[in-house]
Protein backbone atom coordinates (compact mmCIF):
# COMPACT_ATOMS: atom_id res chain seq x y z
CA UNK A 1 -11.23 -2.73 -8.20
CA UNK A 2 -10.22 -2.11 -4.69
CA UNK A 3 -7.76 0.53 -3.67
CA UNK A 4 -6.30 0.37 -0.10
CA UNK A 5 -4.47 3.19 1.69
CA UNK A 6 -5.03 5.84 4.26
CA UNK A 7 -7.65 8.36 3.59
CA UNK A 8 -5.39 11.55 4.31
CA UNK A 9 -2.37 10.52 2.21
CA UNK A 10 -1.72 12.79 -0.52
CA UNK A 11 -0.48 10.08 -2.86
CA UNK A 12 -4.01 8.32 -2.08
CA UNK A 13 -5.87 11.46 -3.08
CA UNK A 14 -3.88 11.66 -6.40
CA UNK A 15 -4.57 7.99 -7.12
CA UNK A 16 -8.27 8.35 -6.25
CA UNK A 17 -8.49 11.65 -8.36
CA UNK A 18 -7.08 9.95 -11.34
CA UNK A 19 -9.48 7.06 -11.21
CA UNK A 20 -12.41 9.39 -10.70
CA UNK A 21 -11.27 11.49 -13.84
CA UNK A 22 -11.27 8.59 -15.92
CA UNK A 23 -14.46 6.96 -14.49
CA UNK A 24 -12.93 3.90 -13.14
CA UNK A 25 -14.95 2.33 -10.54
CA UNK A 26 -13.44 1.37 -7.35
CA UNK A 27 -13.98 0.52 -3.59
CA UNK A 28 -11.72 2.42 -1.01
CA UNK A 29 -10.64 0.76 2.05
CA UNK A 30 -8.63 2.55 4.74
CA UNK A 31 -6.42 -0.22 5.92
CA UNK A 32 -5.68 1.60 9.17
CA UNK A 33 -9.35 1.94 10.21
CA UNK A 34 -10.56 -1.38 8.72
CA UNK A 35 -7.73 -3.34 10.18
CA UNK A 36 -7.26 -5.43 7.11
CA UNK A 37 -3.62 -5.00 6.51
CA UNK A 38 -2.46 -7.97 8.43
CA UNK A 39 -4.88 -10.35 6.75
CA UNK A 40 -4.12 -9.05 3.33
CA UNK A 41 -0.22 -8.93 3.70
CA UNK A 42 0.31 -12.59 2.81
CA UNK A 43 -1.36 -12.28 -0.48
CA UNK A 44 0.15 -8.85 -1.28
CA UNK A 45 3.51 -10.18 -0.44
CA UNK A 46 3.02 -13.18 -2.80
CA UNK A 47 1.97 -10.93 -5.54
CA UNK A 48 4.10 -7.94 -5.26
CA UNK A 49 6.90 -8.90 -2.79
CA UNK A 50 7.58 -7.41 0.51
CA UNK A 51 10.45 -5.07 -0.73
CA UNK A 52 7.83 -3.31 -2.89
CA UNK A 53 5.44 -3.03 -0.10
CA UNK A 54 7.54 -1.68 2.71
CA UNK A 55 7.75 2.05 2.56
CA UNK A 56 11.21 3.09 3.72
CA UNK A 57 10.86 6.57 2.76
CA UNK A 58 7.96 7.65 4.85
CA UNK A 59 7.71 9.10 8.24
CA UNK A 60 6.79 5.93 10.09
CA UNK A 61 10.01 4.24 8.97
CA UNK A 62 12.00 7.11 10.32
CA UNK A 63 10.21 6.76 13.75
CA UNK A 64 11.25 3.25 14.11
CA UNK A 65 14.28 2.43 16.33
CA UNK A 66 17.61 1.41 14.68
CA UNK A 67 17.00 -2.10 16.00
CA UNK A 68 13.58 -2.32 14.14
CA UNK A 69 15.15 -0.94 10.84
CA UNK A 70 18.10 -3.25 11.11
CA UNK A 71 18.53 -6.64 9.08
CA UNK A 72 15.04 -6.44 7.70
CA UNK A 73 14.02 -9.55 5.92
CA UNK A 74 10.58 -10.93 4.64
CA UNK A 75 9.49 -12.08 8.17
CA UNK A 76 10.42 -8.98 9.87
CA UNK A 77 8.99 -6.64 7.30
CA UNK A 78 5.66 -8.40 7.29
CA UNK A 79 5.54 -8.41 11.01
CA UNK A 80 6.32 -4.41 10.91
CA UNK A 81 3.86 -3.73 8.39
CA UNK A 82 1.35 -5.68 10.33
CA UNK A 83 1.96 -3.75 13.43
CA UNK A 84 2.38 -0.37 11.67
CA UNK A 85 0.11 -0.35 8.53
CA UNK A 86 1.56 3.12 7.68
CA UNK A 87 4.66 1.24 6.70
CA UNK A 88 2.78 -0.13 3.48
CA UNK A 89 3.49 1.79 0.45
CA UNK A 90 0.39 3.55 -0.74
CA UNK A 91 -1.89 2.96 -2.48
CA UNK A 92 -2.15 -0.77 -2.95
CA UNK A 93 -4.66 -1.21 -5.90
CA UNK A 94 -6.14 -4.74 -6.68
CA UNK A 95 -7.38 -4.78 -10.07
CA UNK A 96 -8.60 -8.44 -9.78
CA UNK A 97 -5.83 -9.38 -12.32
CA UNK A 98 -2.87 -7.28 -11.02
CA UNK A 99 -1.65 -5.69 -7.71
CA UNK A 100 -0.26 -2.21 -8.15
CA UNK A 101 1.68 -0.82 -5.34
CA UNK A 102 2.50 2.92 -5.24
CA UNK A 103 0.95 5.47 -7.67
CA UNK A 104 1.92 5.99 -11.25
CA UNK A 105 -0.19 8.19 -13.33
CA UNK A 106 0.73 6.57 -16.62
CA UNK A 107 -0.16 3.06 -15.33
CA UNK A 108 -3.32 4.32 -13.64
CA UNK A 109 -4.27 5.95 -17.16
CA UNK A 110 -4.51 2.41 -18.70
CA UNK A 111 -6.93 1.00 -16.15
CA UNK A 112 -10.70 0.66 -16.96
């Protein structure tokens, strides 16, 4: 399993603590530092959908201009997430079979 996110994010810390507590092996990739978000976005979009990936509740979304936030469609959302990886909802967990976006303790508890 590979978990993507930002190291200092509280939700990431909860997700990794949950995986650690149940002994689930994973690789962590900080997509801001590694610069992998843009290369993974097409696959993540295909598997989860841009609406699920785009974090419209975070600080980065609020920092965007009104024009940037207006009329968001798939193309615009993917471009914004590539330019500002903080707009990607965290964590993104690739289990090899499924792509889980966001942290849900009950769902993570079923992973091995």
